[in-house]
Protein backbone atom coordinates (compact mmCIF):
# COMPACT_ATOMS: atom_id res chain seq x y z
CA UNK A 1 -15.65 18.59 -12.69
CA UNK A 2 -17.22 21.61 -12.72
CA UNK A 3 -19.11 23.44 -9.77
CA UNK A 4 -20.73 27.03 -10.23
CA UNK A 5 -17.98 27.78 -12.81
CA UNK A 6 -15.13 26.35 -10.80
CA UNK A 7 -13.03 23.53 -12.63
CA UNK A 8 -11.26 20.93 -10.56
CA UNK A 9 -8.43 18.42 -11.70
CA UNK A 10 -9.87 14.65 -11.60
CA UNK A 11 -7.43 13.80 -8.82
CA UNK A 12 -9.27 16.33 -6.45
CA UNK A 13 -12.50 13.92 -6.45
CA UNK A 14 -10.78 11.78 -3.84
CA UNK A 15 -10.93 14.64 -1.31
CA UNK A 16 -14.83 14.70 -1.85
CA UNK A 17 -16.34 12.50 1.14
CA UNK A 18 -19.56 11.69 -0.86
CA UNK A 19 -17.85 10.32 -3.85
CA UNK A 20 -15.51 8.00 -1.60
CA UNK A 21 -18.01 4.93 -1.90
CA UNK A 22 -18.07 5.38 -5.56
CA UNK A 23 -14.89 5.56 -6.07
CA UNK A 24 -14.01 2.54 -4.10
CA UNK A 25 -16.74 0.44 -5.81
CA UNK A 26 -15.21 1.48 -9.31
CA UNK A 27 -11.93 0.44 -7.96
CA UNK A 28 -13.60 -2.63 -6.77
CA UNK A 29 -14.77 -3.61 -9.72
CA UNK A 30 -11.70 -2.64 -11.71
CA UNK A 31 -9.66 -4.90 -9.29
CA UNK A 32 -11.71 -7.62 -9.35
CA UNK A 33 -11.53 -8.26 -13.23
CA UNK A 34 -7.92 -7.73 -13.44
CA UNK A 35 -7.03 -10.02 -10.72
CA UNK A 36 -9.52 -12.49 -11.82
CA UNK A 37 -8.02 -12.80 -15.26
CA UNK A 38 -4.68 -12.72 -13.98
CA UNK A 39 -5.16 -15.74 -11.79
CA UNK A 40 -7.32 -17.25 -14.43
CA UNK A 41 -4.52 -17.34 -16.75
CA UNK A 42 -1.82 -18.71 -14.59
CA UNK A 43 -4.53 -21.60 -13.58
CA UNK A 44 -4.93 -20.41 -9.98
CA UNK A 45 -8.63 -20.22 -9.41
CA UNK A 46 -11.05 -22.83 -8.07
CA UNK A 47 -7.89 -25.01 -7.52
CA UNK A 48 -8.72 -27.97 -5.05
CA UNK A 49 -6.87 -28.32 -1.66
CA UNK A 50 -3.55 -30.26 -2.07
CA UNK A 51 -2.72 -32.46 0.71
CA UNK A 52 1.38 -33.10 0.82
CA UNK A 53 2.39 -35.75 2.82
CA UNK A 54 5.83 -35.72 4.01
CA UNK A 55 8.25 -38.67 4.78
CA UNK A 56 8.05 -40.34 8.09
CA UNK A 57 5.11 -38.86 10.43
CA UNK A 58 2.73 -38.19 7.65
CA UNK A 59 2.41 -34.21 8.33
CA UNK A 60 -0.27 -33.11 6.38
CA UNK A 61 -0.02 -29.59 5.16
CA UNK A 62 -2.58 -27.80 3.10
CA UNK A 63 -2.28 -25.11 0.35
CA UNK A 64 -5.27 -22.61 0.48
CA UNK A 65 -8.14 -22.64 -2.09
CA UNK A 66 -8.17 -19.57 -4.47
CA UNK A 67 -11.92 -19.05 -5.16
CA UNK A 68 -14.34 -16.46 -5.90
CA UNK A 69 -14.54 -15.42 -2.40
CA UNK A 70 -10.91 -15.09 -1.86
CA UNK A 71 -10.61 -13.00 -5.14
CA UNK A 72 -13.33 -10.54 -4.02
CA UNK A 73 -11.85 -10.08 -0.49
CA UNK A 74 -8.51 -9.50 -2.32
CA UNK A 75 -10.12 -6.89 -4.33
CA UNK A 76 -11.92 -5.18 -1.73
CA UNK A 77 -8.87 -4.83 0.24
CA UNK A 78 -6.89 -3.84 -3.06
CA UNK A 79 -9.60 -0.98 -3.96
CA UNK A 80 -9.14 0.41 -0.49
CA UNK A 81 -5.31 0.46 -0.50
CA UNK A 82 -5.48 1.81 -4.18
CA UNK A 83 -8.18 4.56 -3.11
CA UNK A 84 -5.81 5.80 -0.31
CA UNK A 85 -2.78 5.53 -2.41
CA UNK A 86 -4.31 7.62 -5.15
CA UNK A 87 -5.40 10.02 -1.95
CA UNK A 88 -1.95 10.19 -1.18
CA UNK A 89 -0.59 11.39 -4.57
CA UNK A 90 -3.22 14.17 -4.38
CA UNK A 91 -1.92 15.39 -1.08
CA UNK A 92 1.94 14.84 -2.57
CA UNK A 93 0.40 17.01 -5.71
CA UNK A 94 -0.85 19.77 -3.16
CA UNK A 95 2.36 19.75 -1.85
CA UNK A 96 3.99 20.55 -4.93
CA UNK A 97 1.47 23.06 -5.91
CA UNK A 98 2.25 24.73 -2.38
CA UNK A 99 6.01 24.42 -2.69
CA UNK A 100 7.51 28.01 -2.80
CA UNK A 101 9.97 27.34 -5.48
CA UNK A 102 7.78 24.81 -7.71
CA UNK A 103 4.29 26.76 -7.16
CA UNK A 104 5.19 29.29 -10.22
CA UNK A 105 5.73 26.21 -12.60
CA UNK A 106 2.99 23.79 -11.60
CA UNK A 107 0.12 23.81 -13.65
CA UNK A 108 -2.98 21.43 -13.43
CA UNK A 109 -4.88 23.33 -16.07
CA UNK A 110 -2.43 22.40 -18.80
CA UNK A 111 -0.46 19.66 -17.33
CA UNK A 112 2.22 19.89 -19.85
CA UNK A 113 2.75 23.73 -20.32
CA UNK A 114 6.12 23.32 -19.01
CA UNK A 115 8.71 20.50 -18.11
CA UNK A 116 8.29 20.87 -14.50
CA UNK A 117 4.83 20.47 -14.32
CA UNK A 118 5.06 17.60 -16.62
CA UNK A 119 7.88 15.86 -14.51
CA UNK A 120 6.12 16.27 -11.20
CA UNK A 121 2.76 14.73 -12.64
CA UNK A 122 5.04 11.81 -14.12
CA UNK A 123 6.82 11.32 -10.89
CA UNK A 124 3.44 11.26 -8.71
CA UNK A 125 1.94 8.87 -11.03
CA UNK A 126 5.26 6.43 -10.98
CA UNK A 127 5.40 6.68 -7.17
CA UNK A 128 1.58 5.83 -6.69
CA UNK A 129 1.96 3.19 -9.21
CA UNK A 130 5.16 1.65 -7.25
CA UNK A 131 3.07 1.84 -4.15
CA UNK A 132 0.40 -0.39 -5.78
CA UNK A 133 2.90 -2.74 -7.27
CA UNK A 134 4.59 -3.25 -3.90
CA UNK A 135 1.23 -3.67 -2.34
CA UNK A 136 -0.16 -6.30 -4.85
CA UNK A 137 3.44 -8.14 -4.88
CA UNK A 138 3.34 -8.77 -1.21
CA UNK A 139 -0.48 -9.72 -1.29
CA UNK A 140 0.29 -11.99 -4.20
CA UNK A 141 2.85 -13.81 -1.91
CA UNK A 142 -0.12 -14.28 0.56
CA UNK A 143 -2.11 -15.99 -2.02
CA UNK A 144 0.81 -18.53 -2.29
CA UNK A 145 1.67 -17.42 -5.59
CA UNK A 146 5.47 -18.03 -6.55
CA UNK A 147 7.63 -15.15 -6.63
CA UNK A 148 7.30 -14.38 -10.35
CA UNK A 149 3.66 -14.51 -10.61
CA UNK A 150 3.46 -12.44 -7.44
CA UNK A 151 5.91 -9.86 -9.48
CA UNK A 152 3.81 -10.54 -12.37
CA UNK A 153 0.36 -9.49 -10.55
CA UNK A 154 2.28 -6.42 -8.75
CA UNK A 155 3.27 -5.40 -12.09
CA UNK A 156 -0.06 -5.67 -14.04
CA UNK A 157 -1.77 -3.99 -11.06
CA UNK A 158 0.72 -1.14 -10.78
CA UNK A 159 0.35 -0.51 -14.61
CA UNK A 160 -3.37 -0.81 -14.84
CA UNK A 161 -4.12 0.70 -11.66
CA UNK A 162 -1.91 3.78 -11.38
CA UNK A 163 -3.43 6.91 -11.17
CA UNK A 164 -3.29 7.70 -15.06
CA UNK A 165 -6.12 10.65 -14.43
CA UNK A 166 -3.48 12.75 -13.08
CA UNK A 167 -2.02 13.34 -16.68
CA UNK A 168 -5.83 14.78 -17.59
CA UNK A 169 -5.22 18.73 -18.06
CA UNK A 170 -8.30 20.61 -16.39
CA UNK A 171 -8.58 22.56 -19.83
CA UNK A 172 -9.82 19.12 -21.10
CA UNK A 173 -13.06 19.60 -18.69
CA UNK A 174 -14.14 22.92 -19.49
């Protein structure tokens, strides 16, 4: 991103208040598509309510229906969480850029210019991806997915929505 001759890394976009709604809308669309496809693959969408009758006493329990409204609500919450996770990754990156022993090695202009800079960028992307994985795994359990399906949803979302733009060198934006 350039502004009057200044060039910023892409992860700085999360710190510009007027871009926050656009970023969240983009993340909402991406999350909706991924979650929709995942739930459709596992045949969890538009499932009718199931009534389970237990033995004596006929206690009636229902499993919640997972429909379009549920997916959109899930994706909106996930988009907001993903924005804040990426924002946190940017804050950590700024911390590494300002840390006294690391500041001379950290480089956002050429991310892969040295191993310290590359390692820090990889570390931040992996940590934010892990946060996203844990969030989606927990949310998957709330959608009444079984343990392996919730793990799969968390893994897919953690991989596909990790902040890969941290790896884009500022030199490419000039």
